[in-house]
Amino acid sequence: MTTLIVRLSTIADAKARFVAAGERALAGEVVDAVPSVNFSSYDDMHRVLAPSRLAIVKALAGRGALSIREVARRVDRDVQAVHRDITTLINAGVIDRTESGVEFPYDRIHFEFDVSAAA
C-alpha cells in the first residue's frame, strides 16, 4: 500500500530530515524515499486539503488517471469548481497531471502532526 505523508513542518525541519537521510545514505544505509507534502501551518494545510478537495483525492485514490469530468461526476460537483480544486491540489503536489488526466498515485494519505494547547 502506498501512502502520501502530509506534515506540518518548517523549512528547517524539512532540511534536517533531508540532511539526516543524506548522512544515512553516505554511511551505506539504504534510505527509502517517502512521498510527502509539507505545509508550514495548519491553515495552509486546511486551505489546500479542505473537505471538498479531500473528496476529490478520495475519488482518485487507487484508480489511476481520470478526466476532470469523470472526477466531477464522482464527487457530484460542477466541472469548473472541480477544475479549480484540482489545480490547487496539483500546485500543492498532492495529485499529478498525466497525459490521461489527473491521478492520486497513492492508496491513502497519512496526516503526521501534533496539535497542542496555546501557550
N, C-alpha and C. Protein backbone atom coordinates (compact mmCIF):
# COMPACT_ATOMS: atom_id res chain seq x y z
N MET A 1 0.85 -1.18 0.00
CA MET A 1 0.00 0.00 0.00
C MET A 1 0.89 1.23 0.00
N THR A 2 0.65 2.15 -0.92
CA THR A 2 1.44 3.37 -0.99
C THR A 2 0.72 4.49 -0.27
N THR A 3 1.50 5.27 0.46
CA THR A 3 0.93 6.31 1.31
C THR A 3 1.62 7.64 1.06
N LEU A 4 0.84 8.71 0.99
CA LEU A 4 1.37 10.06 0.96
C LEU A 4 1.33 10.59 2.38
N ILE A 5 2.47 11.05 2.89
CA ILE A 5 2.56 11.62 4.23
C ILE A 5 2.34 13.12 4.12
N VAL A 6 1.43 13.65 4.92
CA VAL A 6 1.19 15.09 4.99
C VAL A 6 1.68 15.56 6.35
N ARG A 7 2.58 16.55 6.33
CA ARG A 7 3.18 17.04 7.57
C ARG A 7 3.00 18.55 7.71
N LEU A 8 3.00 18.98 8.95
CA LEU A 8 3.16 20.39 9.28
C LEU A 8 4.60 20.52 9.73
N SER A 9 5.39 21.29 9.01
CA SER A 9 6.79 21.44 9.40
C SER A 9 7.37 22.71 8.80
N THR A 10 8.40 23.19 9.46
CA THR A 10 9.11 24.36 8.96
C THR A 10 10.11 23.92 7.90
N ILE A 11 10.65 24.87 7.20
CA ILE A 11 11.69 24.56 6.22
C ILE A 11 12.90 23.97 6.94
N ALA A 12 13.18 24.45 8.14
CA ALA A 12 14.31 23.91 8.91
C ALA A 12 14.08 22.44 9.24
N ASP A 13 12.85 22.07 9.58
CA ASP A 13 12.52 20.66 9.86
C ASP A 13 12.73 19.80 8.61
N ALA A 14 12.24 20.27 7.49
CA ALA A 14 12.38 19.52 6.23
C ALA A 14 13.86 19.39 5.87
N LYS A 15 14.62 20.46 6.05
CA LYS A 15 16.06 20.43 5.76
C LYS A 15 16.76 19.42 6.66
N ALA A 16 16.40 19.39 7.93
CA ALA A 16 17.01 18.45 8.88
C ALA A 16 16.72 17.00 8.48
N ARG A 17 15.49 16.70 8.03
CA ARG A 17 15.16 15.35 7.56
C ARG A 17 15.99 14.99 6.34
N PHE A 18 16.15 15.96 5.44
CA PHE A 18 16.93 15.74 4.22
C PHE A 18 18.40 15.47 4.55
N VAL A 19 18.97 16.28 5.43
CA VAL A 19 20.37 16.11 5.82
C VAL A 19 20.57 14.76 6.51
N ALA A 20 19.65 14.40 7.41
CA ALA A 20 19.77 13.11 8.13
C ALA A 20 19.71 11.94 7.15
N ALA A 21 18.82 12.02 6.16
CA ALA A 21 18.73 10.96 5.15
C ALA A 21 20.01 10.89 4.34
N GLY A 22 20.58 12.04 4.00
CA GLY A 22 21.84 12.08 3.26
C GLY A 22 22.98 11.46 4.05
N GLU A 23 23.03 11.76 5.34
CA GLU A 23 24.08 11.19 6.19
C GLU A 23 23.94 9.66 6.29
N ARG A 24 22.71 9.18 6.42
CA ARG A 24 22.49 7.73 6.48
C ARG A 24 22.90 7.08 5.15
N ALA A 25 22.57 7.73 4.04
CA ALA A 25 22.93 7.19 2.73
C ALA A 25 24.44 7.16 2.55
N LEU A 26 25.12 8.20 2.99
CA LEU A 26 26.59 8.23 2.89
C LEU A 26 27.24 7.16 3.77
N ALA A 27 26.55 6.78 4.84
CA ALA A 27 27.06 5.73 5.72
C ALA A 27 26.76 4.34 5.17
N GLY A 28 26.15 4.27 3.99
CA GLY A 28 25.88 2.99 3.37
C GLY A 28 24.51 2.41 3.67
N GLU A 29 23.71 3.12 4.43
CA GLU A 29 22.36 2.64 4.75
C GLU A 29 21.43 2.93 3.57
N VAL A 30 20.57 1.97 3.26
CA VAL A 30 19.57 2.18 2.22
C VAL A 30 18.48 3.08 2.80
N VAL A 31 18.23 4.18 2.11
CA VAL A 31 17.23 5.14 2.58
C VAL A 31 16.10 5.16 1.56
N ASP A 32 14.95 4.70 1.98
CA ASP A 32 13.78 4.71 1.10
C ASP A 32 13.22 6.12 0.98
N ALA A 33 12.84 6.50 -0.22
CA ALA A 33 12.17 7.77 -0.42
C ALA A 33 10.74 7.64 0.09
N VAL A 34 10.30 8.59 0.88
CA VAL A 34 8.95 8.58 1.42
C VAL A 34 8.20 9.77 0.82
N PRO A 35 7.17 9.50 0.00
CA PRO A 35 6.42 10.60 -0.60
C PRO A 35 5.76 11.43 0.49
N SER A 36 5.99 12.75 0.44
CA SER A 36 5.40 13.60 1.46
C SER A 36 5.13 15.00 0.91
N VAL A 37 4.21 15.65 1.56
CA VAL A 37 3.88 17.05 1.29
C VAL A 37 3.96 17.76 2.64
N ASN A 38 4.68 18.88 2.67
CA ASN A 38 4.84 19.64 3.90
C ASN A 38 4.10 20.96 3.81
N PHE A 39 3.42 21.31 4.87
CA PHE A 39 2.76 22.59 4.98
C PHE A 39 3.34 23.34 6.16
N SER A 40 3.48 24.65 6.04
CA SER A 40 4.09 25.43 7.11
C SER A 40 3.11 25.75 8.23
N SER A 41 1.81 25.61 7.97
CA SER A 41 0.83 25.88 9.02
C SER A 41 -0.42 25.03 8.81
N TYR A 42 -1.18 24.88 9.88
CA TYR A 42 -2.44 24.15 9.80
C TYR A 42 -3.38 24.87 8.83
N ASP A 43 -3.39 26.20 8.87
CA ASP A 43 -4.27 26.96 7.98
C ASP A 43 -3.94 26.69 6.51
N ASP A 44 -2.65 26.64 6.17
CA ASP A 44 -2.26 26.34 4.79
C ASP A 44 -2.72 24.94 4.39
N MET A 45 -2.51 23.98 5.30
CA MET A 45 -2.92 22.61 5.02
C MET A 45 -4.43 22.53 4.83
N HIS A 46 -5.17 23.18 5.70
CA HIS A 46 -6.63 23.12 5.62
C HIS A 46 -7.15 23.82 4.37
N ARG A 47 -6.48 24.89 3.93
CA ARG A 47 -6.88 25.58 2.72
C ARG A 47 -6.73 24.65 1.52
N VAL A 48 -5.62 23.94 1.43
CA VAL A 48 -5.37 23.05 0.29
C VAL A 48 -6.18 21.77 0.41
N LEU A 49 -6.27 21.22 1.61
CA LEU A 49 -6.95 19.94 1.81
C LEU A 49 -8.30 20.12 2.51
N ALA A 50 -9.04 21.10 2.05
CA ALA A 50 -10.40 21.33 2.55
C ALA A 50 -11.25 20.10 2.24
N PRO A 51 -12.35 19.91 2.95
CA PRO A 51 -13.18 18.71 2.75
C PRO A 51 -13.58 18.45 1.29
N SER A 52 -13.92 19.48 0.52
CA SER A 52 -14.30 19.25 -0.87
C SER A 52 -13.11 18.76 -1.71
N ARG A 53 -11.91 19.21 -1.36
CA ARG A 53 -10.72 18.75 -2.09
C ARG A 53 -10.32 17.35 -1.64
N LEU A 54 -10.50 17.05 -0.37
CA LEU A 54 -10.22 15.68 0.09
C LEU A 54 -11.17 14.69 -0.59
N ALA A 55 -12.39 15.11 -0.87
CA ALA A 55 -13.33 14.24 -1.59
C ALA A 55 -12.79 13.91 -2.98
N ILE A 56 -12.14 14.88 -3.62
CA ILE A 56 -11.52 14.65 -4.93
C ILE A 56 -10.39 13.64 -4.79
N VAL A 57 -9.55 13.82 -3.77
CA VAL A 57 -8.44 12.90 -3.54
C VAL A 57 -8.97 11.49 -3.31
N LYS A 58 -10.01 11.36 -2.50
CA LYS A 58 -10.60 10.04 -2.24
C LYS A 58 -11.15 9.42 -3.53
N ALA A 59 -11.76 10.24 -4.39
CA ALA A 59 -12.31 9.73 -5.65
C ALA A 59 -11.20 9.24 -6.58
N LEU A 60 -10.00 9.81 -6.44
CA LEU A 60 -8.88 9.43 -7.29
C LEU A 60 -8.04 8.29 -6.72
N ALA A 61 -8.09 8.10 -5.42
CA ALA A 61 -7.18 7.15 -4.76
C ALA A 61 -7.28 5.74 -5.35
N GLY A 62 -6.14 5.25 -5.82
CA GLY A 62 -6.06 3.88 -6.33
C GLY A 62 -6.78 3.61 -7.63
N ARG A 63 -7.20 4.65 -8.35
CA ARG A 63 -8.00 4.43 -9.56
C ARG A 63 -7.26 4.78 -10.85
N GLY A 64 -6.01 5.19 -10.76
CA GLY A 64 -5.30 5.60 -11.97
C GLY A 64 -5.77 6.97 -12.42
N ALA A 65 -5.41 7.33 -13.63
CA ALA A 65 -5.76 8.65 -14.16
C ALA A 65 -7.23 8.72 -14.56
N LEU A 66 -7.87 9.83 -14.19
CA LEU A 66 -9.26 10.08 -14.57
C LEU A 66 -9.35 11.48 -15.19
N SER A 67 -10.32 11.67 -16.05
CA SER A 67 -10.55 13.01 -16.61
C SER A 67 -11.19 13.88 -15.53
N ILE A 68 -11.07 15.17 -15.68
CA ILE A 68 -11.67 16.09 -14.72
C ILE A 68 -13.19 15.93 -14.73
N ARG A 69 -13.76 15.71 -15.89
CA ARG A 69 -15.22 15.48 -15.96
C ARG A 69 -15.63 14.26 -15.16
N GLU A 70 -14.83 13.20 -15.25
CA GLU A 70 -15.16 11.98 -14.51
C GLU A 70 -15.01 12.22 -13.00
N VAL A 71 -13.99 12.96 -12.61
CA VAL A 71 -13.83 13.29 -11.18
C VAL A 71 -15.04 14.10 -10.71
N ALA A 72 -15.44 15.09 -11.50
CA ALA A 72 -16.60 15.91 -11.13
C ALA A 72 -17.86 15.05 -10.99
N ARG A 73 -18.02 14.08 -11.88
CA ARG A 73 -19.18 13.18 -11.79
C ARG A 73 -19.12 12.37 -10.51
N ARG A 74 -17.93 11.86 -10.18
CA ARG A 74 -17.78 11.01 -8.99
C ARG A 74 -18.00 11.76 -7.68
N VAL A 75 -17.68 13.05 -7.67
CA VAL A 75 -17.88 13.83 -6.43
C VAL A 75 -19.16 14.66 -6.49
N ASP A 76 -19.91 14.51 -7.61
CA ASP A 76 -21.19 15.19 -7.79
C ASP A 76 -21.07 16.70 -7.61
N ARG A 77 -20.12 17.28 -8.38
CA ARG A 77 -19.90 18.73 -8.32
C ARG A 77 -19.73 19.27 -9.73
N ASP A 78 -19.81 20.58 -9.86
CA ASP A 78 -19.63 21.30 -11.11
C ASP A 78 -18.20 21.12 -11.63
N VAL A 79 -18.08 20.91 -12.95
CA VAL A 79 -16.77 20.66 -13.56
C VAL A 79 -15.81 21.83 -13.34
N GLN A 80 -16.29 23.06 -13.48
CA GLN A 80 -15.40 24.22 -13.30
C GLN A 80 -14.87 24.31 -11.87
N ALA A 81 -15.72 24.05 -10.88
CA ALA A 81 -15.29 24.09 -9.49
C ALA A 81 -14.28 22.99 -9.21
N VAL A 82 -14.53 21.80 -9.75
CA VAL A 82 -13.60 20.69 -9.57
C VAL A 82 -12.28 21.01 -10.26
N HIS A 83 -12.33 21.62 -11.43
CA HIS A 83 -11.10 22.01 -12.14
C HIS A 83 -10.26 22.96 -11.28
N ARG A 84 -10.90 23.95 -10.66
CA ARG A 84 -10.16 24.88 -9.78
C ARG A 84 -9.53 24.14 -8.61
N ASP A 85 -10.29 23.23 -8.01
CA ASP A 85 -9.76 22.47 -6.87
C ASP A 85 -8.62 21.55 -7.30
N ILE A 86 -8.75 20.94 -8.45
CA ILE A 86 -7.69 20.07 -8.96
C ILE A 86 -6.42 20.87 -9.23
N THR A 87 -6.56 22.08 -9.77
CA THR A 87 -5.39 22.93 -9.99
C THR A 87 -4.69 23.24 -8.68
N THR A 88 -5.44 23.52 -7.63
CA THR A 88 -4.85 23.77 -6.31
C THR A 88 -4.12 22.53 -5.81
N LEU A 89 -4.72 21.37 -5.95
CA LEU A 89 -4.11 20.12 -5.48
C LEU A 89 -2.84 19.78 -6.28
N ILE A 90 -2.85 20.05 -7.57
CA ILE A 90 -1.66 19.82 -8.40
C ILE A 90 -0.54 20.77 -7.96
N ASN A 91 -0.87 22.04 -7.81
CA ASN A 91 0.14 23.04 -7.42
C ASN A 91 0.74 22.74 -6.05
N ALA A 92 -0.02 22.09 -5.18
CA ALA A 92 0.48 21.74 -3.84
C ALA A 92 1.25 20.42 -3.85
N GLY A 93 1.23 19.72 -4.96
CA GLY A 93 1.95 18.45 -5.05
C GLY A 93 1.20 17.25 -4.50
N VAL A 94 -0.11 17.39 -4.32
CA VAL A 94 -0.91 16.30 -3.77
C VAL A 94 -1.34 15.32 -4.86
N ILE A 95 -1.73 15.83 -6.03
CA ILE A 95 -2.11 14.96 -7.14
C ILE A 95 -1.25 15.32 -8.35
N ASP A 96 -1.26 14.47 -9.35
CA ASP A 96 -0.44 14.65 -10.55
C ASP A 96 -1.33 14.78 -11.79
N ARG A 97 -0.84 15.58 -12.75
CA ARG A 97 -1.48 15.65 -14.06
C ARG A 97 -0.70 14.72 -14.98
N THR A 98 -1.40 13.87 -15.71
CA THR A 98 -0.75 12.97 -16.66
C THR A 98 -1.36 13.18 -18.04
N GLU A 99 -0.84 12.47 -19.02
CA GLU A 99 -1.41 12.56 -20.37
C GLU A 99 -2.84 12.05 -20.39
N SER A 100 -3.18 11.16 -19.46
CA SER A 100 -4.52 10.56 -19.45
C SER A 100 -5.51 11.29 -18.55
N GLY A 101 -5.06 12.28 -17.81
CA GLY A 101 -5.95 13.01 -16.90
C GLY A 101 -5.22 13.40 -15.63
N VAL A 102 -5.88 13.23 -14.50
CA VAL A 102 -5.26 13.54 -13.20
C VAL A 102 -5.31 12.27 -12.36
N GLU A 103 -4.32 12.16 -11.46
CA GLU A 103 -4.30 10.98 -10.62
C GLU A 103 -3.70 11.28 -9.26
N PHE A 104 -4.13 10.49 -8.30
CA PHE A 104 -3.54 10.46 -6.97
C PHE A 104 -2.84 9.11 -6.91
N PRO A 105 -1.51 9.08 -7.10
CA PRO A 105 -0.83 7.80 -7.28
C PRO A 105 -0.55 7.03 -5.98
N TYR A 106 -1.38 7.25 -4.98
CA TYR A 106 -1.24 6.60 -3.69
C TYR A 106 -2.57 5.96 -3.31
N ASP A 107 -2.51 5.06 -2.32
CA ASP A 107 -3.73 4.42 -1.85
C ASP A 107 -4.36 5.18 -0.70
N ARG A 108 -3.53 5.96 0.00
CA ARG A 108 -4.07 6.67 1.16
C ARG A 108 -3.18 7.85 1.52
N ILE A 109 -3.71 8.69 2.43
CA ILE A 109 -2.97 9.83 3.00
C ILE A 109 -2.83 9.57 4.49
N HIS A 110 -1.64 9.86 5.00
CA HIS A 110 -1.40 9.79 6.45
C HIS A 110 -1.02 11.19 6.90
N PHE A 111 -1.80 11.73 7.85
CA PHE A 111 -1.50 13.05 8.39
C PHE A 111 -0.60 12.88 9.61
N GLU A 112 0.52 13.58 9.61
CA GLU A 112 1.52 13.42 10.66
C GLU A 112 1.81 14.79 11.29
N PHE A 113 1.05 15.11 12.33
CA PHE A 113 1.32 16.36 13.05
C PHE A 113 0.66 16.31 14.41
N ASP A 114 1.16 17.16 15.31
CA ASP A 114 0.62 17.27 16.66
C ASP A 114 -0.15 18.57 16.80
N VAL A 115 -1.16 18.54 17.62
CA VAL A 115 -1.89 19.75 17.98
C VAL A 115 -1.78 19.91 19.48
N SER A 116 -1.33 21.07 19.92
CA SER A 116 -1.20 21.30 21.36
C SER A 116 -1.87 22.60 21.74
N ALA A 117 -2.13 22.75 23.02
CA ALA A 117 -2.81 23.92 23.54
C ALA A 117 -1.95 25.17 23.35
N ALA A 118 -2.62 26.29 23.13
CA ALA A 118 -1.90 27.56 23.00
C ALA A 118 -1.26 27.93 24.33
N ALA A 119 -0.10 28.54 24.26
CA ALA A 119 0.64 28.92 25.48
C ALA A 119 0.07 30.17 26.10
